[in-house]
Amino acid sequence: MANHFHDENDLKLLKEMSRLAPQEFKAWSNLDGIVGREDGRIPRKYRELIALAVAHTTQCIYCIEVHTKNAKKAGASKEEVVEAVFLSAALRAGGAAAHGTLAVKFYDQA
């Protein structure tokens, strides 16, 4: 049996997780479901692009797959998807630079 990080069959384990922690699973599922709302102020396409950018920041491969496909279904172009990815990358890099100030601070304190 091959061991690798991304195996779509792992998602089948969500059913077991829902059985093992039903209240927590329902709360998570409801929270996750807000992305797909059609009645929010932010249109669905942009909700999916935001979710896609966040998925790249959190590096959840399953979320990246789901929200890329959902963004396309909601009318996002490939260019918009790629832009969302690079926006995420820029913000992640910004976070690393901002945390770099802590390295300078800690160095000076050593």
PDB file of N, CA and C in Angstrom:
ATOM      1  N   MET A   1       0.843  -1.188   0.000  1.00  0.00           N
ATOM      2  CA  MET A   1       0.000   0.000   0.000  1.00  0.00           C
ATOM      3  C   MET A   1       0.879   1.239   0.000  1.00  0.00           C
ATOM      4  N   ALA A   2       0.662   2.102  -0.943  1.00  0.00           N
ATOM      5  CA  ALA A   2       1.460   3.323  -1.048  1.00  0.00           C
ATOM      6  C   ALA A   2       0.975   4.353  -0.039  1.00  0.00           C
ATOM      7  N   ASN A   3       1.921   4.995   0.595  1.00  0.00           N
ATOM      8  CA  ASN A   3       1.594   6.081   1.510  1.00  0.00           C
ATOM      9  C   ASN A   3       1.953   7.397   0.848  1.00  0.00           C
ATOM     10  N   HIS A   4       0.983   8.247   0.683  1.00  0.00           N
ATOM     11  CA  HIS A   4       1.231   9.575   0.154  1.00  0.00           C
ATOM     12  C   HIS A   4       0.230  10.529   0.761  1.00  0.00           C
ATOM     13  N   PHE A   5       0.544  11.793   0.654  1.00  0.00           N
ATOM     14  CA  PHE A   5      -0.226  12.806   1.357  1.00  0.00           C
ATOM     15  C   PHE A   5      -1.648  12.970   0.816  1.00  0.00           C
ATOM     16  N   HIS A   6      -1.788  13.053  -0.470  1.00  0.00           N
ATOM     17  CA  HIS A   6      -3.097  13.347  -1.064  1.00  0.00           C
ATOM     18  C   HIS A   6      -3.703  12.088  -1.657  1.00  0.00           C
ATOM     19  N   ASP A   7      -4.745  11.622  -1.049  1.00  0.00           N
ATOM     20  CA  ASP A   7      -5.475  10.461  -1.542  1.00  0.00           C
ATOM     21  C   ASP A   7      -6.955  10.782  -1.405  1.00  0.00           C
ATOM     22  N   GLU A   8      -7.616  10.970  -2.530  1.00  0.00           N
ATOM     23  CA  GLU A   8      -9.032  11.368  -2.486  1.00  0.00           C
ATOM     24  C   GLU A   8      -9.896  10.378  -1.720  1.00  0.00           C
ATOM     25  N   ASN A   9      -9.446   9.148  -1.598  1.00  0.00           N
ATOM     26  CA  ASN A   9     -10.204   8.169  -0.821  1.00  0.00           C
ATOM     27  C   ASN A   9     -10.224   8.504   0.668  1.00  0.00           C
ATOM     28  N   ASP A  10      -9.253   9.301   1.109  1.00  0.00           N
ATOM     29  CA  ASP A  10      -9.237   9.718   2.508  1.00  0.00           C
ATOM     30  C   ASP A  10     -10.497  10.495   2.878  1.00  0.00           C
ATOM     31  N   LEU A  11     -11.062  11.189   1.905  1.00  0.00           N
ATOM     32  CA  LEU A  11     -12.271  11.975   2.184  1.00  0.00           C
ATOM     33  C   LEU A  11     -13.433  11.091   2.617  1.00  0.00           C
ATOM     34  N   LYS A  12     -13.373   9.819   2.251  1.00  0.00           N
ATOM     35  CA  LYS A  12     -14.414   8.883   2.689  1.00  0.00           C
ATOM     36  C   LYS A  12     -14.393   8.703   4.206  1.00  0.00           C
ATOM     37  N   LEU A  13     -13.267   9.020   4.817  1.00  0.00           N
ATOM     38  CA  LEU A  13     -13.142   8.915   6.270  1.00  0.00           C
ATOM     39  C   LEU A  13     -13.929   9.999   6.998  1.00  0.00           C
ATOM     40  N   LEU A  14     -14.373  11.007   6.263  1.00  0.00           N
ATOM     41  CA  LEU A  14     -15.204  12.038   6.888  1.00  0.00           C
ATOM     42  C   LEU A  14     -16.476  11.432   7.477  1.00  0.00           C
ATOM     43  N   LYS A  15     -17.000  10.413   6.828  1.00  0.00           N
ATOM     44  CA  LYS A  15     -18.197   9.748   7.349  1.00  0.00           C
ATOM     45  C   LYS A  15     -17.913   9.151   8.727  1.00  0.00           C
ATOM     46  N   GLU A  16     -16.774   8.507   8.858  1.00  0.00           N
ATOM     47  CA  GLU A  16     -16.401   7.949  10.159  1.00  0.00           C
ATOM     48  C   GLU A  16     -16.187   9.060  11.183  1.00  0.00           C
ATOM     49  N   MET A  17     -15.558  10.131  10.755  1.00  0.00           N
ATOM     50  CA  MET A  17     -15.332  11.258  11.666  1.00  0.00           C
ATOM     51  C   MET A  17     -16.657  11.841  12.150  1.00  0.00           C
ATOM     52  N   SER A  18     -17.649  11.886  11.259  1.00  0.00           N
ATOM     53  CA  SER A  18     -18.960  12.414  11.660  1.00  0.00           C
ATOM     54  C   SER A  18     -19.635  11.507  12.679  1.00  0.00           C
ATOM     55  N   ARG A  19     -19.349  10.218  12.583  1.00  0.00           N
ATOM     56  CA  ARG A  19     -19.895   9.265  13.549  1.00  0.00           C
ATOM     57  C   ARG A  19     -19.183   9.383  14.892  1.00  0.00           C
ATOM     58  N   LEU A  20     -17.886   9.613  14.854  1.00  0.00           N
ATOM     59  CA  LEU A  20     -17.085   9.648  16.075  1.00  0.00           C
ATOM     60  C   LEU A  20     -17.272  10.943  16.878  1.00  0.00           C
ATOM     61  N   ALA A  21     -17.546  12.040  16.191  1.00  0.00           N
ATOM     62  CA  ALA A  21     -17.743  13.330  16.866  1.00  0.00           C
ATOM     63  C   ALA A  21     -18.880  14.067  16.164  1.00  0.00           C
ATOM     64  N   PRO A  22     -20.124  13.588  16.329  1.00  0.00           N
ATOM     65  CA  PRO A  22     -21.244  14.110  15.536  1.00  0.00           C
ATOM     66  C   PRO A  22     -21.530  15.597  15.730  1.00  0.00           C
ATOM     67  N   GLN A  23     -21.502  16.093  16.943  1.00  0.00           N
ATOM     68  CA  GLN A  23     -21.810  17.513  17.159  1.00  0.00           C
ATOM     69  C   GLN A  23     -20.733  18.409  16.558  1.00  0.00           C
ATOM     70  N   GLU A  24     -19.496  18.040  16.790  1.00  0.00           N
ATOM     71  CA  GLU A  24     -18.392  18.825  16.260  1.00  0.00           C
ATOM     72  C   GLU A  24     -18.383  18.788  14.732  1.00  0.00           C
ATOM     73  N   PHE A  25     -18.661  17.610  14.183  1.00  0.00           N
ATOM     74  CA  PHE A  25     -18.690  17.479  12.730  1.00  0.00           C
ATOM     75  C   PHE A  25     -19.793  18.354  12.142  1.00  0.00           C
ATOM     76  N   LYS A  26     -20.964  18.340  12.770  1.00  0.00           N
ATOM     77  CA  LYS A  26     -22.081  19.151  12.268  1.00  0.00           C
ATOM     78  C   LYS A  26     -21.738  20.639  12.335  1.00  0.00           C
ATOM     79  N   ALA A  27     -21.115  21.064  13.423  1.00  0.00           N
ATOM     80  CA  ALA A  27     -20.730  22.476  13.558  1.00  0.00           C
ATOM     81  C   ALA A  27     -19.723  22.857  12.473  1.00  0.00           C
ATOM     82  N   TRP A  28     -18.731  21.991  12.248  1.00  0.00           N
ATOM     83  CA  TRP A  28     -17.740  22.254  11.205  1.00  0.00           C
ATOM     84  C   TRP A  28     -18.397  22.284   9.831  1.00  0.00           C
ATOM     85  N   SER A  29     -19.269  21.323   9.582  1.00  0.00           N
ATOM     86  CA  SER A  29     -19.938  21.239   8.290  1.00  0.00           C
ATOM     87  C   SER A  29     -20.795  22.477   8.024  1.00  0.00           C
ATOM     88  N   ASN A  30     -21.506  22.924   9.044  1.00  0.00           N
ATOM     89  CA  ASN A  30     -22.319  24.139   8.892  1.00  0.00           C
ATOM     90  C   ASN A  30     -21.445  25.352   8.614  1.00  0.00           C
ATOM     91  N   LEU A  31     -20.320  25.444   9.316  1.00  0.00           N
ATOM     92  CA  LEU A  31     -19.405  26.567   9.099  1.00  0.00           C
ATOM     93  C   LEU A  31     -18.832  26.505   7.697  1.00  0.00           C
ATOM     94  N   ASP A  32     -18.405  25.330   7.273  1.00  0.00           N
ATOM     95  CA  ASP A  32     -17.856  25.157   5.939  1.00  0.00           C
ATOM     96  C   ASP A  32     -18.898  25.490   4.867  1.00  0.00           C
ATOM     97  N   GLY A  33     -20.159  25.236   5.185  1.00  0.00           N
ATOM     98  CA  GLY A  33     -21.239  25.459   4.226  1.00  0.00           C
ATOM     99  C   GLY A  33     -21.518  26.912   3.899  1.00  0.00           C
ATOM    100  N   ILE A  34     -20.995  27.836   4.692  1.00  0.00           N
ATOM    101  CA  ILE A  34     -21.282  29.248   4.404  1.00  0.00           C
ATOM    102  C   ILE A  34     -20.647  29.706   3.097  1.00  0.00           C
ATOM    103  N   VAL A  35     -19.628  29.007   2.647  1.00  0.00           N
ATOM    104  CA  VAL A  35     -18.999  29.384   1.378  1.00  0.00           C
ATOM    105  C   VAL A  35     -20.003  29.257   0.235  1.00  0.00           C
ATOM    106  N   GLY A  36     -20.802  28.209   0.258  1.00  0.00           N
ATOM    107  CA  GLY A  36     -21.725  27.934  -0.831  1.00  0.00           C
ATOM    108  C   GLY A  36     -23.048  28.674  -0.779  1.00  0.00           C
ATOM    109  N   ARG A  37     -23.203  29.558   0.196  1.00  0.00           N
ATOM    110  CA  ARG A  37     -24.466  30.304   0.294  1.00  0.00           C
ATOM    111  C   ARG A  37     -24.718  31.119  -0.963  1.00  0.00           C
ATOM    112  N   GLU A  38     -25.944  31.145  -1.364  1.00  0.00           N
ATOM    113  CA  GLU A  38     -26.344  31.946  -2.526  1.00  0.00           C
ATOM    114  C   GLU A  38     -27.012  33.251  -2.096  1.00  0.00           C
ATOM    115  N   ASP A  39     -27.351  33.368  -0.815  1.00  0.00           N
ATOM    116  CA  ASP A  39     -28.108  34.530  -0.352  1.00  0.00           C
ATOM    117  C   ASP A  39     -27.252  35.553   0.380  1.00  0.00           C
ATOM    118  N   GLY A  40     -25.930  35.395   0.356  1.00  0.00           N
ATOM    119  CA  GLY A  40     -25.056  36.345   1.029  1.00  0.00           C
ATOM    120  C   GLY A  40     -24.855  37.605   0.195  1.00  0.00           C
ATOM    121  N   ARG A  41     -24.280  38.601   0.792  1.00  0.00           N
ATOM    122  CA  ARG A  41     -23.983  39.856   0.083  1.00  0.00           C
ATOM    123  C   ARG A  41     -22.857  39.684  -0.933  1.00  0.00           C
ATOM    124  N   ILE A  42     -21.940  38.754  -0.639  1.00  0.00           N
ATOM    125  CA  ILE A  42     -20.839  38.482  -1.562  1.00  0.00           C
ATOM    126  C   ILE A  42     -21.303  37.395  -2.520  1.00  0.00           C
ATOM    127  N   PRO A  43     -21.253  37.666  -3.836  1.00  0.00           N
ATOM    128  CA  PRO A  43     -21.695  36.663  -4.812  1.00  0.00           C
ATOM    129  C   PRO A  43     -20.878  35.367  -4.705  1.00  0.00           C
ATOM    130  N   ARG A  44     -21.510  34.284  -5.082  1.00  0.00           N
ATOM    131  CA  ARG A  44     -20.938  32.941  -4.953  1.00  0.00           C
ATOM    132  C   ARG A  44     -19.560  32.830  -5.597  1.00  0.00           C
ATOM    133  N   LYS A  45     -19.384  33.393  -6.765  1.00  0.00           N
ATOM    134  CA  LYS A  45     -18.091  33.315  -7.449  1.00  0.00           C
ATOM    135  C   LYS A  45     -16.983  33.880  -6.565  1.00  0.00           C
ATOM    136  N   TYR A  46     -17.242  35.004  -5.953  1.00  0.00           N
ATOM    137  CA  TYR A  46     -16.218  35.642  -5.119  1.00  0.00           C
ATOM    138  C   TYR A  46     -16.036  34.897  -3.795  1.00  0.00           C
ATOM    139  N   ARG A  47     -17.099  34.310  -3.288  1.00  0.00           N
ATOM    140  CA  ARG A  47     -16.982  33.489  -2.079  1.00  0.00           C
ATOM    141  C   ARG A  47     -16.038  32.318  -2.350  1.00  0.00           C
ATOM    142  N   GLU A  48     -16.184  31.702  -3.510  1.00  0.00           N
ATOM    143  CA  GLU A  48     -15.326  30.570  -3.867  1.00  0.00           C
ATOM    144  C   GLU A  48     -13.889  31.014  -4.114  1.00  0.00           C
ATOM    145  N   LEU A  49     -13.698  32.173  -4.727  1.00  0.00           N
ATOM    146  CA  LEU A  49     -12.340  32.670  -4.943  1.00  0.00           C
ATOM    147  C   LEU A  49     -11.660  33.015  -3.616  1.00  0.00           C
ATOM    148  N   ILE A  50     -12.417  33.580  -2.689  1.00  0.00           N
ATOM    149  CA  ILE A  50     -11.878  33.851  -1.350  1.00  0.00           C
ATOM    150  C   ILE A  50     -11.503  32.525  -0.679  1.00  0.00           C
ATOM    151  N   ALA A  51     -12.402  31.562  -0.735  1.00  0.00           N
ATOM    152  CA  ALA A  51     -12.138  30.251  -0.131  1.00  0.00           C
ATOM    153  C   ALA A  51     -10.915  29.603  -0.770  1.00  0.00           C
ATOM    154  N   LEU A  52     -10.773  29.757  -2.066  1.00  0.00           N
ATOM    155  CA  LEU A  52      -9.628  29.201  -2.772  1.00  0.00           C
ATOM    156  C   LEU A  52      -8.328  29.852  -2.301  1.00  0.00           C
ATOM    157  N   ALA A  53      -8.341  31.157  -2.148  1.00  0.00           N
ATOM    158  CA  ALA A  53      -7.142  31.853  -1.664  1.00  0.00           C
ATOM    159  C   ALA A  53      -6.795  31.404  -0.250  1.00  0.00           C
ATOM    160  N   VAL A  54      -7.803  31.294   0.598  1.00  0.00           N
ATOM    161  CA  VAL A  54      -7.559  30.833   1.968  1.00  0.00           C
ATOM    162  C   VAL A  54      -7.049  29.395   1.964  1.00  0.00           C
ATOM    163  N   ALA A  55      -7.600  28.566   1.102  1.00  0.00           N
ATOM    164  CA  ALA A  55      -7.148  27.172   1.014  1.00  0.00           C
ATOM    165  C   ALA A  55      -5.670  27.093   0.644  1.00  0.00           C
ATOM    166  N   HIS A  56      -5.219  28.012  -0.190  1.00  0.00           N
ATOM    167  CA  HIS A  56      -3.796  28.033  -0.519  1.00  0.00           C
ATOM    168  C   HIS A  56      -2.968  28.508   0.669  1.00  0.00           C
ATOM    169  N   THR A  57      -3.527  29.394   1.455  1.00  0.00           N
ATOM    170  CA  THR A  57      -2.818  29.866   2.649  1.00  0.00           C
ATOM    171  C   THR A  57      -2.732  28.765   3.693  1.00  0.00           C
ATOM    172  N   THR A  58      -3.831  28.029   3.891  1.00  0.00           N
ATOM    173  CA  THR A  58      -3.828  26.943   4.871  1.00  0.00           C
ATOM    174  C   THR A  58      -3.221  25.664   4.290  1.00  0.00           C
ATOM    175  N   GLN A  59      -3.054  25.633   2.982  1.00  0.00           N
ATOM    176  CA  GLN A  59      -2.454  24.525   2.246  1.00  0.00           C
ATOM    177  C   GLN A  59      -3.249  23.230   2.375  1.00  0.00           C
ATOM    178  N   CYS A  60      -4.563  23.356   2.312  1.00  0.00           N
ATOM    179  CA  CYS A  60      -5.435  22.180   2.333  1.00  0.00           C
ATOM    180  C   CYS A  60      -5.699  21.748   0.891  1.00  0.00           C
ATOM    181  N   ILE A  61      -5.073  20.659   0.489  1.00  0.00           N
ATOM    182  CA  ILE A  61      -5.179  20.192  -0.893  1.00  0.00           C
ATOM    183  C   ILE A  61      -6.618  19.863  -1.290  1.00  0.00           C
ATOM    184  N   TYR A  62      -7.377  19.328  -0.344  1.00  0.00           N
ATOM    185  CA  TYR A  62      -8.769  18.987  -0.634  1.00  0.00           C
ATOM    186  C   TYR A  62      -9.598  20.249  -0.847  1.00  0.00           C
ATOM    187  N   CYS A  63      -9.361  21.262  -0.007  1.00  0.00           N
ATOM    188  CA  CYS A  63     -10.081  22.532  -0.151  1.00  0.00           C
ATOM    189  C   CYS A  63      -9.709  23.208  -1.467  1.00  0.00           C
ATOM    190  N   ILE A  64      -8.422  23.125  -1.831  1.00  0.00           N
ATOM    191  CA  ILE A  64      -7.987  23.710  -3.099  1.00  0.00           C
ATOM    192  C   ILE A  64      -8.745  23.074  -4.257  1.00  0.00           C
ATOM    193  N   GLU A  65      -8.853  21.763  -4.236  1.00  0.00           N
ATOM    194  CA  GLU A  65      -9.562  21.057  -5.310  1.00  0.00           C
ATOM    195  C   GLU A  65     -11.039  21.447  -5.358  1.00  0.00           C
ATOM    196  N   VAL A  66     -11.692  21.363  -4.217  1.00  0.00           N
ATOM    197  CA  VAL A  66     -13.134  21.637  -4.155  1.00  0.00           C
ATOM    198  C   VAL A  66     -13.444  23.074  -4.557  1.00  0.00           C
ATOM    199  N   HIS A  67     -12.698  24.027  -4.003  1.00  0.00           N
ATOM    200  CA  HIS A  67     -13.033  25.427  -4.265  1.00  0.00           C
ATOM    201  C   HIS A  67     -12.600  25.883  -5.658  1.00  0.00           C
ATOM    202  N   THR A  68     -11.590  25.231  -6.239  1.00  0.00           N
ATOM    203  CA  THR A  68     -11.251  25.523  -7.640  1.00  0.00           C
ATOM    204  C   THR A  68     -12.402  25.087  -8.542  1.00  0.00           C
ATOM    205  N   LYS A  69     -12.884  23.874  -8.323  1.00  0.00           N
ATOM    206  CA  LYS A  69     -13.991  23.367  -9.146  1.00  0.00           C
ATOM    207  C   LYS A  69     -15.258  24.189  -8.926  1.00  0.00           C
ATOM    208  N   ASN A  70     -15.529  24.553  -7.657  1.00  0.00           N
ATOM    209  CA  ASN A  70     -16.724  25.352  -7.372  1.00  0.00           C
ATOM    210  C   ASN A  70     -16.610  26.764  -7.939  1.00  0.00           C
ATOM    211  N   ALA A  71     -15.418  27.330  -7.916  1.00  0.00           N
ATOM    212  CA  ALA A  71     -15.220  28.663  -8.491  1.00  0.00           C
ATOM    213  C   ALA A  71     -15.494  28.628  -9.994  1.00  0.00           C
ATOM    214  N   LYS A  72     -14.998  27.597 -10.648  1.00  0.00           N
ATOM    215  CA  LYS A  72     -15.243  27.460 -12.093  1.00  0.00           C
ATOM    216  C   LYS A  72     -16.745  27.335 -12.362  1.00  0.00           C
ATOM    217  N   LYS A  73     -17.436  26.495 -11.581  1.00  0.00           N
ATOM    218  CA  LYS A  73     -18.887  26.339 -11.755  1.00  0.00           C
ATOM    219  C   LYS A  73     -19.630  27.646 -11.512  1.00  0.00           C
ATOM    220  N   ALA A  74     -19.080  28.471 -10.614  1.00  0.00           N
ATOM    221  CA  ALA A  74     -19.731  29.738 -10.284  1.00  0.00           C
ATOM    222  C   ALA A  74     -19.374  30.847 -11.278  1.00  0.00           C
ATOM    223  N   GLY A  75     -18.580  30.504 -12.296  1.00  0.00           N
ATOM    224  CA  GLY A  75     -18.287  31.471 -13.352  1.00  0.00           C
ATOM    225  C   GLY A  75     -16.922  32.117 -13.293  1.00  0.00           C
ATOM    226  N   ALA A  76     -16.060  31.684 -12.385  1.00  0.00           N
ATOM    227  CA  ALA A  76     -14.713  32.259 -12.319  1.00  0.00           C
ATOM    228  C   ALA A  76     -13.882  31.752 -13.498  1.00  0.00           C
ATOM    229  N   SER A  77     -13.107  32.653 -14.054  1.00  0.00           N
ATOM    230  CA  SER A  77     -12.217  32.270 -15.152  1.00  0.00           C
ATOM    231  C   SER A  77     -10.939  31.660 -14.586  1.00  0.00           C
ATOM    232  N   LYS A  78     -10.186  30.996 -15.447  1.00  0.00           N
ATOM    233  CA  LYS A  78      -8.902  30.444 -15.023  1.00  0.00           C
ATOM    234  C   LYS A  78      -7.972  31.572 -14.566  1.00  0.00           C
ATOM    235  N   GLU A  79      -8.055  32.718 -15.244  1.00  0.00           N
ATOM    236  CA  GLU A  79      -7.237  33.863 -14.863  1.00  0.00           C
ATOM    237  C   GLU A  79      -7.584  34.344 -13.448  1.00  0.00           C
ATOM    238  N   GLU A  80      -8.875  34.360 -13.104  1.00  0.00           N
ATOM    239  CA  GLU A  80      -9.287  34.772 -11.760  1.00  0.00           C
ATOM    240  C   GLU A  80      -8.797  33.784 -10.710  1.00  0.00           C
ATOM    241  N   VAL A  81      -8.848  32.501 -11.033  1.00  0.00           N
ATOM    242  CA  VAL A  81      -8.357  31.476 -10.112  1.00  0.00           C
ATOM    243  C   VAL A  81      -6.867  31.682  -9.845  1.00  0.00           C
ATOM    244  N   VAL A  82      -6.099  31.881 -10.904  1.00  0.00           N
ATOM    245  CA  VAL A  82      -4.656  32.066 -10.754  1.00  0.00           C
ATOM    246  C   VAL A  82      -4.355  33.361  -9.995  1.00  0.00           C
ATOM    247  N   GLU A  83      -5.111  34.415 -10.272  1.00  0.00           N
ATOM    248  CA  GLU A  83      -4.930  35.667  -9.536  1.00  0.00           C
ATOM    249  C   GLU A  83      -5.173  35.458  -8.044  1.00  0.00           C
ATOM    250  N   ALA A  84      -6.217  34.714  -7.708  1.00  0.00           N
ATOM    251  CA  ALA A  84      -6.521  34.432  -6.298  1.00  0.00           C
ATOM    252  C   ALA A  84      -5.359  33.684  -5.644  1.00  0.00           C
ATOM    253  N   VAL A  85      -4.760  32.755  -6.386  1.00  0.00           N
ATOM    254  CA  VAL A  85      -3.612  32.006  -5.867  1.00  0.00           C
ATOM    255  C   VAL A  85      -2.451  32.949  -5.568  1.00  0.00           C
ATOM    256  N   PHE A  86      -2.156  33.859  -6.494  1.00  0.00           N
ATOM    257  CA  PHE A  86      -1.032  34.770  -6.280  1.00  0.00           C
ATOM    258  C   PHE A  86      -1.329  35.824  -5.216  1.00  0.00           C
ATOM    259  N   LEU A  87      -2.580  36.232  -5.072  1.00  0.00           N
ATOM    260  CA  LEU A  87      -2.938  37.122  -3.964  1.00  0.00           C
ATOM    261  C   LEU A  87      -2.651  36.428  -2.640  1.00  0.00           C
ATOM    262  N   SER A  88      -3.023  35.177  -2.560  1.00  0.00           N
ATOM    263  CA  SER A  88      -2.761  34.387  -1.367  1.00  0.00           C
ATOM    264  C   SER A  88      -1.263  34.272  -1.111  1.00  0.00           C
ATOM    265  N   ALA A  89      -0.505  34.011  -2.153  1.00  0.00           N
ATOM    266  CA  ALA A  89       0.948  33.880  -2.014  1.00  0.00           C
ATOM    267  C   ALA A  89       1.566  35.188  -1.529  1.00  0.00           C
ATOM    268  N   ALA A  90       1.072  36.304  -2.046  1.00  0.00           N
ATOM    269  CA  ALA A  90       1.596  37.605  -1.627  1.00  0.00           C
ATOM    270  C   ALA A  90       1.315  37.859  -0.155  1.00  0.00           C
ATOM    271  N   LEU A  91       0.115  37.530   0.290  1.00  0.00           N
ATOM    272  CA  LEU A  91      -0.230  37.747   1.690  1.00  0.00           C
ATOM    273  C   LEU A  91       0.531  36.801   2.603  1.00  0.00           C
ATOM    274  N   ARG A  92       0.726  35.584   2.148  1.00  0.00           N
ATOM    275  CA  ARG A  92       1.505  34.628   2.945  1.00  0.00           C
ATOM    276  C   ARG A  92       2.946  35.110   3.065  1.00  0.00           C
ATOM    277  N   ALA A  93       3.503  35.628   1.984  1.00  0.00           N
ATOM    278  CA  ALA A  93       4.865  36.165   2.026  1.00  0.00           C
ATOM    279  C   ALA A  93       4.920  37.395   2.931  1.00  0.00           C
ATOM    280  N   GLY A  94       3.877  38.204   2.879  1.00  0.00           N
ATOM    281  CA  GLY A  94       3.809  39.376   3.757  1.00  0.00           C
ATOM    282  C   GLY A  94       3.816  38.970   5.219  1.00  0.00           C
ATOM    283  N   GLY A  95       3.098  37.908   5.538  1.00  0.00           N
ATOM    284  CA  GLY A  95       3.073  37.398   6.902  1.00  0.00           C
ATOM    285  C   GLY A  95       4.454  36.929   7.338  1.00  0.00           C
ATOM    286  N   ALA A  96       5.163  36.281   6.430  1.00  0.00           N
ATOM    287  CA  ALA A  96       6.514  35.814   6.758  1.00  0.00           C
ATOM    288  C   ALA A  96       7.434  37.006   7.015  1.00  0.00           C
ATOM    289  N   ALA A  97       7.319  38.044   6.203  1.00  0.00           N
ATOM    290  CA  ALA A  97       8.149  39.235   6.401  1.00  0.00           C
ATOM    291  C   ALA A  97       7.803  39.926   7.718  1.00  0.00           C
ATOM    292  N   ALA A  98       6.512  40.021   8.015  1.00  0.00           N
ATOM    293  CA  ALA A  98       6.087  40.654   9.261  1.00  0.00           C
ATOM    294  C   ALA A  98       6.605  39.864  10.466  1.00  0.00           C
ATOM    295  N   HIS A  99       6.538  38.539  10.387  1.00  0.00           N
ATOM    296  CA  HIS A  99       7.064  37.713  11.471  1.00  0.00           C
ATOM    297  C   HIS A  99       8.587  37.770  11.524  1.00  0.00           C
ATOM    298  N   GLY A 100       9.194  38.161  10.413  1.00  0.00           N
ATOM    299  CA  GLY A 100      10.644  38.349  10.396  1.00  0.00           C
ATOM    300  C   GLY A 100      11.089  39.416  11.379  1.00  0.00           C
ATOM    301  N   THR A 101      10.215  40.380  11.644  1.00  0.00           N
ATOM    302  CA  THR A 101      10.557  41.406  12.627  1.00  0.00           C
ATOM    303  C   THR A 101      10.755  40.779  14.006  1.00  0.00           C
ATOM    304  N   LEU A 102      10.046  39.677  14.268  1.00  0.00           N
ATOM    305  CA  LEU A 102      10.235  38.976  15.537  1.00  0.00           C
ATOM    306  C   LEU A 102      11.629  38.359  15.616  1.00  0.00           C
ATOM    307  N   ALA A 103      12.121  37.850  14.487  1.00  0.00           N
ATOM    308  CA  ALA A 103      13.467  37.288  14.470  1.00  0.00           C
ATOM    309  C   ALA A 103      14.490  38.363  14.816  1.00  0.00           C
ATOM    310  N   VAL A 104      14.312  39.554  14.261  1.00  0.00           N
ATOM    311  CA  VAL A 104      15.219  40.663  14.575  1.00  0.00           C
ATOM    312  C   VAL A 104      15.114  41.020  16.054  1.00  0.00           C
ATOM    313  N   LYS A 105      13.892  41.103  16.556  1.00  0.00           N
ATOM    314  CA  LYS A 105      13.659  41.422  17.969  1.00  0.00           C
ATOM    315  C   LYS A 105      14.303  40.377  18.885  1.00  0.00           C
ATOM    316  N   PHE A 106      14.069  39.093  18.593  1.00  0.00           N
ATOM    317  CA  PHE A 106      14.629  38.027  19.411  1.00  0.00           C
ATOM    318  C   PHE A 106      16.154  37.984  19.331  1.00  0.00           C
ATOM    319  N   TYR A 107      16.684  38.282  18.141  1.00  0.00           N
ATOM    320  CA  TYR A 107      18.128  38.317  17.980  1.00  0.00           C
ATOM    321  C   TYR A 107      18.727  39.394  18.880  1.00  0.00           C
ATOM    322  N   ASP A 108      18.095  40.553  18.889  1.00  0.00           N
ATOM    323  CA  ASP A 108      18.590  41.666  19.683  1.00  0.00           C
ATOM    324  C   ASP A 108      18.479  41.384  21.186  1.00  0.00           C
ATOM    325  N   GLN A 109      17.528  40.524  21.560  1.00  0.00           N
ATOM    326  CA  GLN A 109      17.337  40.189  22.970  1.00  0.00           C
ATOM    327  C   GLN A 109      18.284  39.093  23.441  1.00  0.00           C
ATOM    328  N   ALA A 110      18.893  38.374  22.497  1.00  0.00           N
ATOM    329  CA  ALA A 110      19.759  37.227  22.865  1.00  0.00           C
ATOM    330  C   ALA A 110      21.100  37.696  23.405  1.00  0.00           C
TER     331      ALA A 110
END
